[in-house]
Protein backbone atom coordinates (compact mmCIF):
# COMPACT_ATOMS: atom_id res chain seq x y z
CA GLN A 1 0.00 0.00 0.00
CA VAL A 2 1.25 3.48 -0.88
CA GLN A 3 1.87 5.82 2.03
CA LEU A 4 2.72 9.50 1.75
CA VAL A 5 4.11 11.75 4.46
CA GLU A 6 4.56 15.49 3.95
CA SER A 7 7.01 17.64 5.83
CA GLY A 8 8.59 21.07 5.68
CA GLY A 9 5.62 23.32 6.32
CA ARG A 10 6.22 26.29 8.59
CA LEU A 11 5.75 30.00 9.04
CA VAL A 12 7.65 32.06 6.49
CA GLN A 13 7.76 35.74 5.58
CA ALA A 14 6.34 37.00 2.31
CA GLY A 15 8.99 36.95 -0.39
CA GLY A 16 10.74 34.03 1.21
CA SER A 17 11.25 30.47 0.08
CA LEU A 18 10.29 27.10 1.43
CA ARG A 19 10.73 23.49 0.37
CA LEU A 20 8.14 20.84 1.06
CA SER A 21 8.91 17.15 0.94
CA CYS A 22 6.68 14.16 0.36
CA ALA A 23 8.20 10.85 1.40
CA ALA A 24 6.62 7.89 -0.34
CA SER A 25 6.67 4.29 0.74
CA GLY A 26 5.34 1.14 -0.79
CA ARG A 27 5.92 -0.55 -4.10
CA GLY A 28 7.38 1.02 -7.22
CA PHE A 29 6.22 4.40 -8.46
CA SER A 30 7.48 4.28 -12.02
CA ASN A 31 3.99 4.58 -13.49
CA TYR A 32 2.60 6.98 -10.90
CA ALA A 33 1.64 10.60 -11.12
CA MET A 34 2.50 12.64 -8.05
CA ALA A 35 0.96 15.97 -7.20
CA TRP A 36 0.71 18.70 -4.62
CA PHE A 37 -2.64 20.14 -3.66
CA ARG A 38 -3.38 22.89 -1.20
CA GLN A 39 -6.37 23.95 0.82
CA PRO A 40 -6.48 27.47 2.23
CA PRO A 41 -8.60 28.01 5.34
CA GLY A 42 -12.27 27.96 4.43
CA LYS A 43 -11.62 27.10 0.78
CA GLU A 44 -11.65 23.99 -1.37
CA ARG A 45 -8.64 21.86 -2.09
CA ALA A 46 -6.94 22.89 -5.33
CA PHE A 47 -4.21 21.55 -7.58
CA VAL A 48 -0.79 23.15 -7.26
CA ALA A 49 1.72 21.09 -9.25
CA GLY A 50 2.17 17.59 -10.58
CA ILE A 51 4.89 15.36 -11.95
CA HIS A 52 4.96 11.94 -13.50
CA TRP A 53 7.43 9.72 -11.71
CA SER A 54 9.11 8.14 -14.70
CA ALA A 55 8.53 10.58 -17.56
CA GLY A 56 9.31 13.63 -15.44
CA ASN A 57 6.80 15.86 -17.18
CA THR A 58 5.36 18.56 -14.97
CA TYR A 59 2.29 20.74 -14.81
CA TYR A 60 1.57 23.80 -12.67
CA ALA A 61 -1.40 25.83 -11.64
CA ASP A 62 -1.27 29.31 -13.13
CA SER A 63 -1.13 30.84 -9.67
CA VAL A 64 2.23 29.24 -8.90
CA LYS A 65 3.83 28.98 -12.33
CA GLY A 66 7.28 30.51 -12.30
CA ARG A 67 7.44 30.50 -8.51
CA PHE A 68 7.08 26.84 -7.57
CA THR A 69 9.05 23.88 -8.87
CA ILE A 70 8.08 20.26 -8.41
CA SER A 71 10.70 17.53 -8.66
CA ARG A 72 11.33 14.00 -7.53
CA ASP A 73 14.26 12.14 -6.05
CA SER A 74 13.88 8.55 -7.17
CA ALA A 75 16.60 7.24 -4.86
CA LYS A 76 14.90 8.72 -1.81
CA LYS A 77 11.38 8.09 -3.12
CA THR A 78 10.59 11.70 -2.38
CA VAL A 79 8.66 14.40 -4.21
CA LEU A 80 9.73 17.97 -3.55
CA LEU A 81 7.96 21.28 -3.94
CA GLN A 82 10.34 24.23 -3.99
CA MET A 83 8.42 27.42 -3.35
CA SER A 84 9.82 30.90 -3.83
CA SER A 85 8.51 34.47 -3.85
CA LEU A 86 5.86 33.39 -1.40
CA VAL A 87 2.82 35.56 -0.84
CA PRO A 88 0.15 35.42 1.88
CA GLU A 89 -2.24 33.83 -0.63
CA ASP A 90 -0.01 30.75 -0.57
CA THR A 91 -1.05 30.11 3.03
CA ALA A 92 -2.72 26.70 3.14
CA ASP A 93 -2.48 23.11 4.19
CA TYR A 94 -0.41 21.39 1.51
CA TYR A 95 -1.09 17.77 0.61
CA CYS A 96 0.87 15.25 -1.38
CA ALA A 97 -1.15 12.90 -3.56
CA ALA A 98 -0.51 10.01 -5.92
CA LYS A 99 -2.38 8.09 -8.58
CA TRP A 100 -1.56 5.38 -11.04
CA GLY A 101 -1.16 6.58 -14.59
CA ARG A 102 -1.03 10.01 -16.14
CA LEU A 103 -1.17 13.41 -14.50
CA ALA A 104 -4.47 14.91 -13.46
CA THR A 105 -5.49 18.16 -11.79
CA THR A 106 -8.66 17.01 -10.06
CA SER A 107 -8.32 15.86 -6.47
CA ALA A 108 -10.94 13.15 -6.94
CA ASP A 109 -8.62 11.40 -9.40
CA TYR A 110 -5.99 10.78 -6.74
CA VAL A 111 -6.37 7.79 -4.47
CA HIS A 112 -3.36 8.15 -2.16
CA TRP A 113 -3.00 11.13 0.13
CA GLY A 114 -0.71 12.35 2.85
CA GLN A 115 -1.92 14.00 6.03
CA GLY A 116 -0.83 17.47 5.01
CA THR A 117 1.65 20.06 6.19
CA GLN A 118 0.77 23.62 7.08
CA VAL A 119 2.35 26.60 5.33
CA THR A 120 1.74 30.09 6.65
CA VAL A 121 3.05 33.12 4.79
CA SER A 122 3.01 36.33 6.77
CA SER A 123 3.00 39.80 5.25
């Protein structure tokens, strides 16, 4: 069974940078799509960035394009989200998710989820 554990969330000043990690365990992920979603307080969960484990292709929400970078470390079975130029609107609980097959941007398409890590960006 696939298990995902996020880490790295913390309080950070606007304009700063932060790196989130998603440690994956279980069987091989070569044909998995991995993604980050976020849920601001009182709002719905939304897609942030995704990457296919083997192909390495990526996709970003317009709101984070150019500021966030998703990557994976196959040896460590970890997906990373490097965030820069952070703004208060980035404040949210960030979740790592995985699904078999190609990338998707809808949360309902993902069957494996971490417990989330909180990111707070202060102005």
